[in-house]
Protein backbone atom coordinates (compact mmCIF):
# COMPACT_ATOMS: atom_id res chain seq x y z
CA UNK A 1 -45.66 29.53 13.05
CA UNK A 2 -43.26 31.92 11.26
CA UNK A 3 -43.60 35.64 12.12
CA UNK A 4 -44.27 38.06 9.26
CA UNK A 5 -41.01 39.23 7.72
CA UNK A 6 -38.99 36.41 9.26
CA UNK A 7 -37.11 33.94 7.11
CA UNK A 8 -38.58 30.49 7.03
CA UNK A 9 -36.22 27.88 8.43
CA UNK A 10 -34.35 26.03 5.73
CA UNK A 11 -34.31 22.29 6.22
CA UNK A 12 -31.22 20.51 4.98
CA UNK A 13 -31.73 17.37 2.96
CA UNK A 14 -30.72 14.26 4.86
CA UNK A 15 -27.20 13.07 4.28
CA UNK A 16 -27.10 10.10 1.93
CA UNK A 17 -26.91 6.72 3.62
CA UNK A 18 -25.04 5.15 0.72
CA UNK A 19 -21.70 5.69 -0.95
CA UNK A 20 -19.97 4.07 -3.89
CA UNK A 21 -16.38 2.96 -3.27
CA UNK A 22 -14.29 2.38 -6.39
CA UNK A 23 -10.83 0.96 -6.98
CA UNK A 24 -9.47 1.83 -10.42
CA UNK A 25 -7.05 -1.07 -10.76
CA UNK A 26 -4.45 -1.67 -13.42
CA UNK A 27 -6.63 -4.41 -14.94
CA UNK A 28 -10.11 -4.16 -13.41
CA UNK A 29 -12.21 -1.37 -11.93
CA UNK A 30 -14.09 -2.62 -8.88
CA UNK A 31 -17.09 -0.80 -7.36
CA UNK A 32 -19.22 -1.41 -4.27
CA UNK A 33 -22.36 0.32 -2.99
CA UNK A 34 -22.04 0.69 0.79
CA UNK A 35 -24.97 1.23 3.18
CA UNK A 36 -23.23 3.54 5.63
CA UNK A 37 -25.51 3.09 8.63
CA UNK A 38 -25.09 -0.68 8.46
CA UNK A 39 -21.50 -0.95 7.19
CA UNK A 40 -22.75 -3.37 4.58
CA UNK A 41 -22.12 -3.94 0.86
CA UNK A 42 -25.49 -3.70 -0.90
CA UNK A 43 -24.24 -4.21 -4.46
CA UNK A 44 -20.97 -4.90 -6.26
CA UNK A 45 -19.72 -4.69 -9.84
CA UNK A 46 -16.52 -4.76 -11.82
CA UNK A 47 -15.43 -3.90 -15.35
CA UNK A 48 -12.17 -4.01 -17.24
CA UNK A 49 -10.26 -0.77 -16.62
CA UNK A 50 -10.74 1.30 -19.79
CA UNK A 51 -7.36 3.00 -19.79
CA UNK A 52 -7.18 2.95 -23.60
CA UNK A 53 -10.17 5.35 -23.83
CA UNK A 54 -11.18 6.99 -20.55
CA UNK A 55 -11.09 5.26 -17.16
CA UNK A 56 -14.55 6.63 -16.39
CA UNK A 57 -16.02 4.55 -19.23
CA UNK A 58 -15.48 1.44 -17.12
CA UNK A 59 -16.68 3.29 -14.03
CA UNK A 60 -19.91 4.26 -15.80
CA UNK A 61 -20.52 0.62 -16.66
CA UNK A 62 -19.99 -0.34 -13.00
CA UNK A 63 -22.44 2.32 -11.76
CA UNK A 64 -25.10 1.16 -14.24
CA UNK A 65 -24.70 -2.39 -12.96
CA UNK A 66 -24.86 -1.23 -9.34
CA UNK A 67 -28.04 0.74 -10.06
CA UNK A 68 -29.64 -2.35 -11.57
CA UNK A 69 -28.94 -4.18 -8.31
CA UNK A 70 -29.92 -1.25 -6.04
CA UNK A 71 -31.51 2.02 -7.30
CA UNK A 72 -29.77 4.01 -4.53
CA UNK A 73 -26.55 3.78 -6.55
CA UNK A 74 -27.97 6.29 -9.02
CA UNK A 75 -27.35 9.30 -6.77
CA UNK A 76 -24.80 7.97 -4.25
CA UNK A 77 -21.55 9.96 -3.89
CA UNK A 78 -18.37 8.24 -5.05
CA UNK A 79 -15.00 7.81 -3.31
CA UNK A 80 -12.19 6.23 -5.29
CA UNK A 81 -8.58 5.11 -5.24
CA UNK A 82 -6.41 4.35 -8.24
CA UNK A 83 -3.46 2.30 -9.37
CA UNK A 84 -4.38 2.63 -13.04
CA UNK A 85 -1.71 3.77 -15.45
CA UNK A 86 1.09 2.26 -13.40
CA UNK A 87 0.01 3.63 -10.03
CA UNK A 88 2.37 5.89 -8.08
CA UNK A 89 6.06 5.65 -9.00
CA UNK A 90 8.53 7.08 -6.49
CA UNK A 91 12.28 7.66 -6.70
CA UNK A 92 14.14 8.15 -3.41
CA UNK A 93 17.16 10.42 -3.15
CA UNK A 94 19.19 10.33 0.07
CA UNK A 95 22.76 10.54 1.23
CA UNK A 96 23.69 7.37 3.12
CA UNK A 97 22.56 4.10 1.61
CA UNK A 98 21.94 2.47 4.99
CA UNK A 99 20.23 5.39 6.74
CA UNK A 100 18.32 8.11 4.94
CA UNK A 101 18.04 6.37 1.57
CA UNK A 102 16.76 3.20 3.25
CA UNK A 103 14.41 5.24 5.44
CA UNK A 104 13.10 6.99 2.35
CA UNK A 105 12.50 3.67 0.62
CA UNK A 106 10.44 2.42 3.55
CA UNK A 107 8.41 5.63 3.72
CA UNK A 108 7.76 5.57 -0.03
CA UNK A 109 6.43 2.02 0.24
CA UNK A 110 4.17 2.92 3.16
CA UNK A 111 2.81 5.79 1.06
CA UNK A 112 1.44 3.41 -1.54
CA UNK A 113 4.17 3.93 -4.10
CA UNK A 114 6.22 1.60 -6.21
CA UNK A 115 9.85 2.48 -5.54
CA UNK A 116 11.43 2.61 -8.99
CA UNK A 117 14.90 3.85 -7.95
CA UNK A 118 16.94 4.64 -4.84
CA UNK A 119 19.87 7.04 -5.18
CA UNK A 120 22.46 7.40 -2.41
CA UNK A 121 24.66 10.41 -3.09
CA UNK A 122 27.16 9.26 -0.50
CA UNK A 123 28.06 6.23 -2.61
CA UNK A 124 28.47 8.40 -5.72
CA UNK A 125 25.16 7.69 -7.49
CA UNK A 126 24.62 9.84 -10.56
CA UNK A 127 21.28 11.65 -10.43
CA UNK A 128 21.29 12.36 -14.15
CA UNK A 129 19.78 8.89 -14.64
CA UNK A 130 16.75 9.67 -12.51
CA UNK A 131 14.50 10.41 -15.48
CA UNK A 132 15.20 6.97 -16.94
CA UNK A 133 13.37 5.41 -13.97
CA UNK A 134 10.29 7.49 -14.87
CA UNK A 135 9.16 8.43 -11.36
CA UNK A 136 6.02 10.44 -10.68
CA UNK A 137 7.43 11.90 -7.45
CA UNK A 138 10.89 12.22 -5.94
CA UNK A 139 11.29 11.85 -2.17
CA UNK A 140 14.36 13.81 -1.05
CA UNK A 141 15.77 12.87 2.36
CA UNK A 142 18.99 13.42 4.23
CA UNK A 143 20.42 14.32 7.61
CA UNK A 144 19.11 14.28 11.14
CA UNK A 145 17.71 17.43 12.71
CA UNK A 146 20.51 19.73 13.82
CA UNK A 147 23.14 17.74 11.94
CA UNK A 148 25.28 18.63 8.94
CA UNK A 149 22.98 20.26 6.32
CA UNK A 150 25.42 20.01 3.41
CA UNK A 151 24.52 16.47 2.20
CA UNK A 152 20.85 17.25 1.55
CA UNK A 153 21.75 20.63 0.05
CA UNK A 154 24.19 18.92 -2.29
CA UNK A 155 21.48 16.43 -3.28
CA UNK A 156 19.06 19.28 -3.97
CA UNK A 157 21.60 21.10 -6.12
CA UNK A 158 22.28 17.90 -8.10
CA UNK A 159 18.57 17.16 -8.48
CA UNK A 160 17.40 20.60 -9.61
CA UNK A 161 18.80 20.55 -13.18
CA UNK A 162 17.93 16.91 -13.96
CA UNK A 163 14.37 16.62 -12.61
CA UNK A 164 11.48 19.05 -13.12
CA UNK A 165 8.66 17.06 -11.54
CA UNK A 166 7.12 16.94 -8.03
CA UNK A 167 9.41 16.66 -5.01
CA UNK A 168 8.70 15.88 -1.36
CA UNK A 169 11.45 17.22 0.94
CA UNK A 170 11.64 15.27 4.21
CA UNK A 171 15.16 15.74 5.55
CA UNK A 172 17.09 17.87 8.06
CA UNK A 173 14.54 20.44 9.30
CA UNK A 174 17.22 23.14 9.65
CA UNK A 175 18.06 22.83 5.94
CA UNK A 176 14.55 22.68 4.54
CA UNK A 177 14.18 26.38 3.75
CA UNK A 178 17.43 26.35 1.78
CA UNK A 179 16.40 23.16 -0.03
CA UNK A 180 13.05 24.72 -0.92
CA UNK A 181 14.87 27.75 -2.34
CA UNK A 182 17.07 25.52 -4.53
CA UNK A 183 13.96 23.67 -5.80
CA UNK A 184 11.79 26.78 -6.02
CA UNK A 185 10.65 26.03 -9.58
CA UNK A 186 9.49 22.49 -8.79
CA UNK A 187 6.07 21.32 -7.54
CA UNK A 188 7.18 20.98 -3.94
CA UNK A 189 5.86 19.88 -0.55
CA UNK A 190 8.02 20.18 2.56
CA UNK A 191 7.36 17.55 5.24
CA UNK A 192 8.83 16.80 8.67
CA UNK A 193 12.14 14.92 8.69
CA UNK A 194 11.58 11.18 8.34
CA UNK A 195 14.76 10.50 10.38
CA UNK A 196 14.81 13.28 13.02
CA UNK A 197 17.49 11.33 14.89
CA UNK A 198 19.30 8.03 14.41
CA UNK A 199 17.10 5.07 15.32
CA UNK A 200 13.81 6.95 14.79
CA UNK A 201 11.64 6.68 11.69
CA UNK A 202 8.77 9.19 11.44
CA UNK A 203 6.91 8.45 8.18
CA UNK A 204 3.51 10.10 8.63
CA UNK A 205 4.34 13.64 7.51
CA UNK A 206 6.05 12.46 4.32
CA UNK A 207 3.28 9.96 3.67
CA UNK A 208 0.71 12.77 3.80
CA UNK A 209 2.84 14.98 1.54
CA UNK A 210 3.25 12.22 -1.06
CA UNK A 211 -0.51 11.69 -1.04
CA UNK A 212 -1.02 15.43 -1.60
CA UNK A 213 1.29 15.46 -4.63
CA UNK A 214 -0.28 12.27 -5.98
CA UNK A 215 -3.70 13.92 -5.96
CA UNK A 216 -2.61 17.35 -7.20
CA UNK A 217 -0.11 16.36 -9.90
CA UNK A 218 0.10 12.64 -10.61
CA UNK A 219 -3.57 11.73 -11.13
CA UNK A 220 -4.12 14.59 -13.57
CA UNK A 221 -0.71 14.17 -15.14
CA UNK A 222 -1.43 10.61 -16.24
CA UNK A 223 -4.35 11.87 -18.37
CA UNK A 224 -6.51 8.90 -17.43
CA UNK A 225 -9.73 10.82 -17.95
CA UNK A 226 -10.90 13.97 -19.68
CA UNK A 227 -13.61 14.51 -17.07
CA UNK A 228 -13.11 16.56 -13.92
CA UNK A 229 -15.19 14.00 -12.00
CA UNK A 230 -12.24 11.60 -11.93
CA UNK A 231 -9.97 14.06 -10.14
CA UNK A 232 -12.76 14.91 -7.70
CA UNK A 233 -13.48 11.33 -6.67
CA UNK A 234 -9.92 9.95 -6.27
CA UNK A 235 -8.75 10.08 -2.65
CA UNK A 236 -5.34 8.43 -3.00
CA UNK A 237 -3.22 5.65 -4.47
CA UNK A 238 -4.79 2.23 -3.98
CA UNK A 239 -1.95 0.73 -1.85
CA UNK A 240 -2.00 3.81 0.42
CA UNK A 241 -5.78 3.55 0.83
CA UNK A 242 -5.57 -0.20 1.46
CA UNK A 243 -2.91 0.37 4.14
CA UNK A 244 -5.28 2.83 5.84
CA UNK A 245 -7.88 0.05 5.79
CA UNK A 246 -5.35 -2.36 7.30
CA UNK A 247 -4.55 0.13 10.08
CA UNK A 248 -8.24 0.42 10.94
CA UNK A 249 -8.65 -3.36 10.76
CA UNK A 250 -5.90 -3.71 13.36
CA UNK A 251 -7.85 -1.38 15.66
CA UNK A 252 -10.87 -3.66 15.27
CA UNK A 253 -9.18 -7.07 15.29
CA UNK A 254 -5.71 -6.61 16.83
CA UNK A 255 -2.32 -7.19 15.19
CA UNK A 256 -2.91 -7.92 11.51
CA UNK A 257 -1.04 -8.97 8.38
CA UNK A 258 -2.44 -8.65 4.85
CA UNK A 259 -0.79 -10.44 1.93
CA UNK A 260 -1.83 -9.40 -1.59
CA UNK A 261 -0.68 -11.81 -4.30
CA UNK A 262 -0.74 -10.09 -7.69
CA UNK A 263 0.46 -10.75 -11.18
CA UNK A 264 3.56 -8.56 -10.88
CA UNK A 265 4.18 -8.15 -7.13
CA UNK A 266 3.35 -9.68 -3.78
CA UNK A 267 2.66 -7.00 -1.17
CA UNK A 268 2.71 -7.49 2.59
CA UNK A 269 1.06 -4.97 4.93
CA UNK A 270 1.44 -5.37 8.68
CA UNK A 271 0.22 -3.44 11.70
CA UNK A 272 1.80 -4.75 14.89
CA UNK A 273 2.14 -3.14 18.30
CA UNK A 274 5.85 -3.02 19.01
CA UNK A 275 7.26 -4.44 22.23
CA UNK A 276 8.89 -1.49 24.09
CA UNK A 277 11.66 -3.75 25.35
CA UNK A 278 12.43 -4.92 21.82
CA UNK A 279 12.40 -1.32 20.59
CA UNK A 280 14.93 -0.40 23.24
CA UNK A 281 17.23 -3.23 22.21
CA UNK A 282 17.00 -2.50 18.49
CA UNK A 283 20.31 -2.15 16.70
CA UNK A 284 18.81 -0.81 13.51
CA UNK A 285 19.77 2.72 12.56
CA UNK A 286 16.40 2.91 10.77
CA UNK A 287 13.84 1.82 13.32
CA UNK A 288 11.04 -0.66 12.78
CA UNK A 289 7.60 0.97 12.74
CA UNK A 290 4.17 -0.23 13.82
CA UNK A 291 2.81 0.09 10.28
CA UNK A 292 4.91 -1.51 7.55
CA UNK A 293 4.44 -2.30 3.87
CA UNK A 294 6.83 -4.24 1.68
CA UNK A 295 6.51 -4.83 -2.06
CA UNK A 296 8.30 -7.80 -3.62
CA UNK A 297 8.70 -6.94 -7.29
CA UNK A 298 10.13 -10.35 -8.23
CA UNK A 299 7.24 -12.35 -6.76
CA UNK A 300 4.00 -12.64 -8.70
CA UNK A 301 1.83 -15.04 -10.65
CA UNK A 302 1.98 -13.62 -14.18
CA UNK A 303 4.50 -10.88 -15.09
CA UNK A 304 6.81 -12.11 -12.28
CA UNK A 305 6.01 -15.83 -12.42
CA UNK A 306 9.43 -16.84 -13.76
CA UNK A 307 11.37 -14.84 -11.17
CA UNK A 308 9.14 -16.36 -8.47
CA UNK A 309 10.09 -19.88 -9.52
CA UNK A 310 13.76 -18.87 -9.77
CA UNK A 311 13.80 -17.08 -6.39
CA UNK A 312 12.56 -20.18 -4.55
CA UNK A 313 14.63 -22.63 -6.58
CA UNK A 314 11.67 -24.44 -8.13
CA UNK A 315 12.93 -25.59 -11.53
CA UNK A 316 9.87 -27.84 -11.75
CA UNK A 317 7.64 -24.75 -11.92
CA UNK A 318 9.60 -22.89 -14.59
CA UNK A 319 7.67 -24.22 -17.58
CA UNK A 320 4.30 -23.26 -16.05
CA UNK A 321 5.73 -19.91 -14.95
CA UNK A 322 7.00 -19.16 -18.45
CA UNK A 323 3.56 -19.83 -19.95
CA UNK A 324 1.99 -17.46 -17.44
CA UNK A 325 4.52 -14.71 -18.12
CA UNK A 326 3.96 -15.04 -21.86
CA UNK A 327 0.16 -14.84 -21.44
CA UNK A 328 -0.55 -12.56 -18.48
CA UNK A 329 -4.30 -12.89 -19.07
CA UNK A 330 -4.13 -16.66 -18.57
CA UNK A 331 -6.97 -18.12 -16.46
CA UNK A 332 -6.60 -21.78 -15.38
CA UNK A 333 -9.39 -23.97 -16.69
CA UNK A 334 -8.62 -27.33 -15.09
CA UNK A 335 -7.41 -28.64 -11.75
CA UNK A 336 -3.85 -29.23 -12.98
CA UNK A 337 -3.42 -25.57 -13.91
CA UNK A 338 -5.19 -24.43 -10.72
CA UNK A 339 -2.76 -26.56 -8.73
CA UNK A 340 0.17 -24.85 -10.47
CA UNK A 341 -1.28 -21.39 -9.76
CA UNK A 342 -1.68 -22.31 -6.10
CA UNK A 343 1.86 -23.70 -5.93
CA UNK A 344 3.32 -20.50 -7.38
CA UNK A 345 1.18 -18.45 -4.99
CA UNK A 346 2.29 -20.55 -2.00
CA UNK A 347 5.94 -19.95 -2.89
CA UNK A 348 5.39 -16.21 -3.46
CA UNK A 349 3.51 -15.79 -0.18
CA UNK A 350 6.07 -17.79 1.78
CA UNK A 351 9.07 -15.84 0.52
CA UNK A 352 7.32 -12.45 0.76
CA UNK A 353 6.34 -13.11 4.38
CA UNK A 354 9.85 -14.27 5.28
CA UNK A 355 11.40 -11.17 3.74
CA UNK A 356 8.91 -9.00 5.65
CA UNK A 357 9.23 -10.80 8.98
CA UNK A 358 12.91 -11.69 9.05
CA UNK A 359 14.22 -14.00 11.73
CA UNK A 360 15.59 -13.97 15.24
CA UNK A 361 18.74 -15.63 16.55
CA UNK A 362 20.86 -15.57 19.67
CA UNK A 363 24.32 -14.04 19.20
CA UNK A 364 27.20 -13.38 21.58
CA UNK A 365 28.15 -9.72 21.87
CA UNK A 366 30.35 -7.68 24.24
CA UNK A 367 27.18 -7.26 26.34
CA UNK A 368 26.66 -11.03 26.51
CA UNK A 369 24.10 -13.24 24.79
CA UNK A 370 21.47 -11.14 23.02
CA UNK A 371 18.65 -11.78 20.59
CA UNK A 372 19.36 -10.25 17.20
CA UNK A 373 16.37 -9.70 14.92
CA UNK A 374 15.80 -8.58 11.37
CA UNK A 375 12.52 -7.56 9.79
CA UNK A 376 9.16 -7.30 11.55
CA UNK A 377 8.24 -9.71 14.34
CA UNK A 378 4.87 -11.21 13.31
CA UNK A 379 4.78 -14.15 15.72
CA UNK A 380 1.90 -12.85 17.84
CA UNK A 381 -0.23 -11.64 14.91
CA UNK A 382 -3.78 -12.89 15.38
CA UNK A 383 -5.25 -12.26 11.91
CA UNK A 384 -3.86 -12.94 8.44
CA UNK A 385 -5.87 -11.69 5.46
CA UNK A 386 -5.23 -12.93 1.95
CA UNK A 387 -5.97 -10.89 -1.15
CA UNK A 388 -5.58 -11.33 -4.89
CA UNK A 389 -7.42 -13.24 -7.59
CA UNK A 390 -5.84 -16.63 -6.85
CA UNK A 391 -7.37 -16.44 -3.36
CA UNK A 392 -10.63 -14.66 -4.19
CA UNK A 393 -11.55 -17.04 -7.00
CA UNK A 394 -9.92 -20.19 -5.68
CA UNK A 395 -11.37 -23.56 -4.84
CA UNK A 396 -12.56 -24.41 -1.31
CA UNK A 397 -9.66 -24.45 1.14
CA UNK A 398 -7.37 -22.38 -1.12
CA UNK A 399 -6.25 -20.03 1.68
CA UNK A 400 -5.13 -22.87 3.94
CA UNK A 401 -3.17 -24.44 1.08
CA UNK A 402 -1.47 -21.21 -0.01
CA UNK A 403 -0.50 -20.17 3.53
CA UNK A 404 0.74 -23.65 4.46
CA UNK A 405 4.35 -23.34 5.59
CA UNK A 406 4.06 -19.58 6.16
CA UNK A 407 2.11 -19.66 9.42
CA UNK A 408 2.24 -21.90 12.46
CA UNK A 409 5.35 -23.33 14.07
CA UNK A 410 7.95 -22.74 11.35
CA UNK A 411 11.56 -23.87 11.74
CA UNK A 412 14.58 -21.64 11.17
CA UNK A 413 13.86 -18.77 13.56
CA UNK A 414 11.47 -17.04 11.15
CA UNK A 415 9.24 -14.52 12.91
CA UNK A 416 6.06 -15.68 11.19
CA UNK A 417 2.52 -15.74 12.65
CA UNK A 418 2.25 -18.74 14.96
CA UNK A 419 -1.49 -19.12 15.58
CA UNK A 420 -3.42 -16.72 13.31
CA UNK A 421 -6.92 -16.89 11.93
CA UNK A 422 -6.84 -16.78 8.13
CA UNK A 423 -9.47 -15.11 5.98
CA UNK A 424 -9.73 -13.76 2.42
CA UNK A 425 -10.83 -10.27 1.39
CA UNK A 426 -13.24 -11.59 -1.22
CA UNK A 427 -15.28 -8.36 -1.49
CA UNK A 428 -12.44 -5.77 -1.66
CA UNK A 429 -13.41 -4.53 1.79
CA UNK A 430 -9.96 -3.17 2.71
CA UNK A 431 -9.96 -0.61 -0.09
CA UNK A 432 -13.55 0.42 0.65
CA UNK A 433 -12.81 0.78 4.36
CA UNK A 434 -9.72 2.87 3.64
CA UNK A 435 -11.81 5.21 1.49
CA UNK A 436 -14.49 5.53 4.19
CA UNK A 437 -12.08 5.88 7.13
CA UNK A 438 -11.91 9.68 7.23
CA UNK A 439 -15.54 10.74 6.85
CA UNK A 440 -17.42 7.54 7.71
CA UNK A 441 -15.20 5.73 10.23
CA UNK A 442 -18.01 3.79 11.89
CA UNK A 443 -19.16 2.38 8.54
CA UNK A 444 -15.55 1.41 7.83
CA UNK A 445 -15.26 -0.33 11.19
CA UNK A 446 -18.47 -2.28 10.64
CA UNK A 447 -17.26 -3.43 7.22
CA UNK A 448 -13.94 -4.55 8.68
CA UNK A 449 -15.61 -6.29 11.61
CA UNK A 450 -17.48 -8.41 9.08
CA UNK A 451 -14.22 -9.24 7.30
CA UNK A 452 -12.50 -10.20 10.54
CA UNK A 453 -15.64 -11.88 11.95
CA UNK A 454 -15.39 -9.82 15.17
CA UNK A 455 -18.72 -7.97 14.88
CA UNK A 456 -19.28 -8.18 18.62
CA UNK A 457 -16.31 -5.85 19.23
CA UNK A 458 -17.87 -2.90 17.37
CA UNK A 459 -20.54 -1.13 19.41
C-alpha cells in the first residue's frame, strides 16, 4: 500500500531478450535475431547492400524478413558493424621501416583496417603522396618512450600540410603533446605508444583509438545513409568486430585460427597463447602478439583470382581465374566450376596460412644451435574456423578439401595447425558475437560455444 502523498514506485520495463545483429558488408547485408538468454539465432536474413541508395534500405528489407520469421524482431534493438563503402582504410606513417612502421602496419590490421599505404620517413618516403592512397585514418607512430622525439615530430610536421583528415598518434609518449600541437587542426586521438620499448608491441590503445575515429568520422563521412539510425547502430568496422568475436571464441574453445576467404582478400585471424620461453628467445624487434590479423590483398576468389593463381604458380588455373576476375558476381553452376572455385580457395588458404604462420628452422649462432622462427606459431591450435561464401555454400566436405595441405603434418618446417578440429561459420556467428561481447557477453559465449561445439564448457 502506498502512503498518501508518496510517489508510487515506478516499475521498469523488462530488458528485451532479443537483439538484431547486422553486418553491412560490401556486397550483402546480413542480419540475425538473437535470443539473448539462450545465445541462439532465432531468425536470419540477408539482402544486397544498397550502397547506391541508402544502406538502410537493405537493412529495412532484412528486418521485415526477420519479423516474418519471428515477431520479436519488430522491436528488438540493433547492433551493427560495417565494411560497406570500402570499409576502413588506414595509412601508416612511421620512421623506421622495420620497427615503428611495421608495428603500425600490424596494429592497423588488428584494428580492422585495410592498410592502403605505409610510409617510413627514415627511408625518405614522400608524404605528399598520402592523399593518393585515399585513407580514412592515418596512424602516426615513431620512437620508443624516452627516446629521441625528433623523428615523430618531423613526421608530424611533414604530415600536417598534406593531410587534413583523422589522425591517431601512437608514438613516443614524451613527444605526444608536441605532436598534438602540430596537428591541432586535425581530428585527433592520442593513444599509448604501440612500441614503448624495442621488442614490445602494445596495440590495444591504438586499436581503441582507431575504432573511436572510425565511428565518429569515417562512418558519417562515407555518407552511406541519410538517417541518424545508421550512425547509432554501428559499433565498429566488421573485421575489428569479427576479431573481437575470435578473441572470445578462444576463451571458450582455446587457441583458435579463423580464415576468411573473400573475393578480394584472404584474412587470417589467430588468438594463440604465447610460450614464455619462445617470447624470451624472440629476435624480432617488433614482438609477436597473442592476437594477430593478417590480410592478404593478392589472394581472393574474384577480384584477386588472377594474382592468387600467379602467386602459387598455377598456370592451369589462370583461365578460370581470369573469368572470375572479369565477372566478380560469377556463381558456379556445375561441378566443374565448383571444383575450380575450391581449388582456388585451397591455394589461397594455404598461402595465407603459411604467410601468417611462418616456419621454424635450426640455425647456428654465436650462442650455439637455436631455433629461429618467423610468423605466428600455430602448431598447437585446436580449432580452425573457415569463413566465406565458398565454404558457407559449398558441397558436403568442402572444408576438409579446402584446408587439405594447410593443416596436419606439413613438411618444410611450416608452423601450421597439426591436429585441429575444422568447422565453418555458416551463420555469421563471429560478427554477431563480437557485437554482443561488450553488453551481452554470456549470450556471445553461448553462440560461440555452439559454433565450436563445446557447449559443455559454458556454464
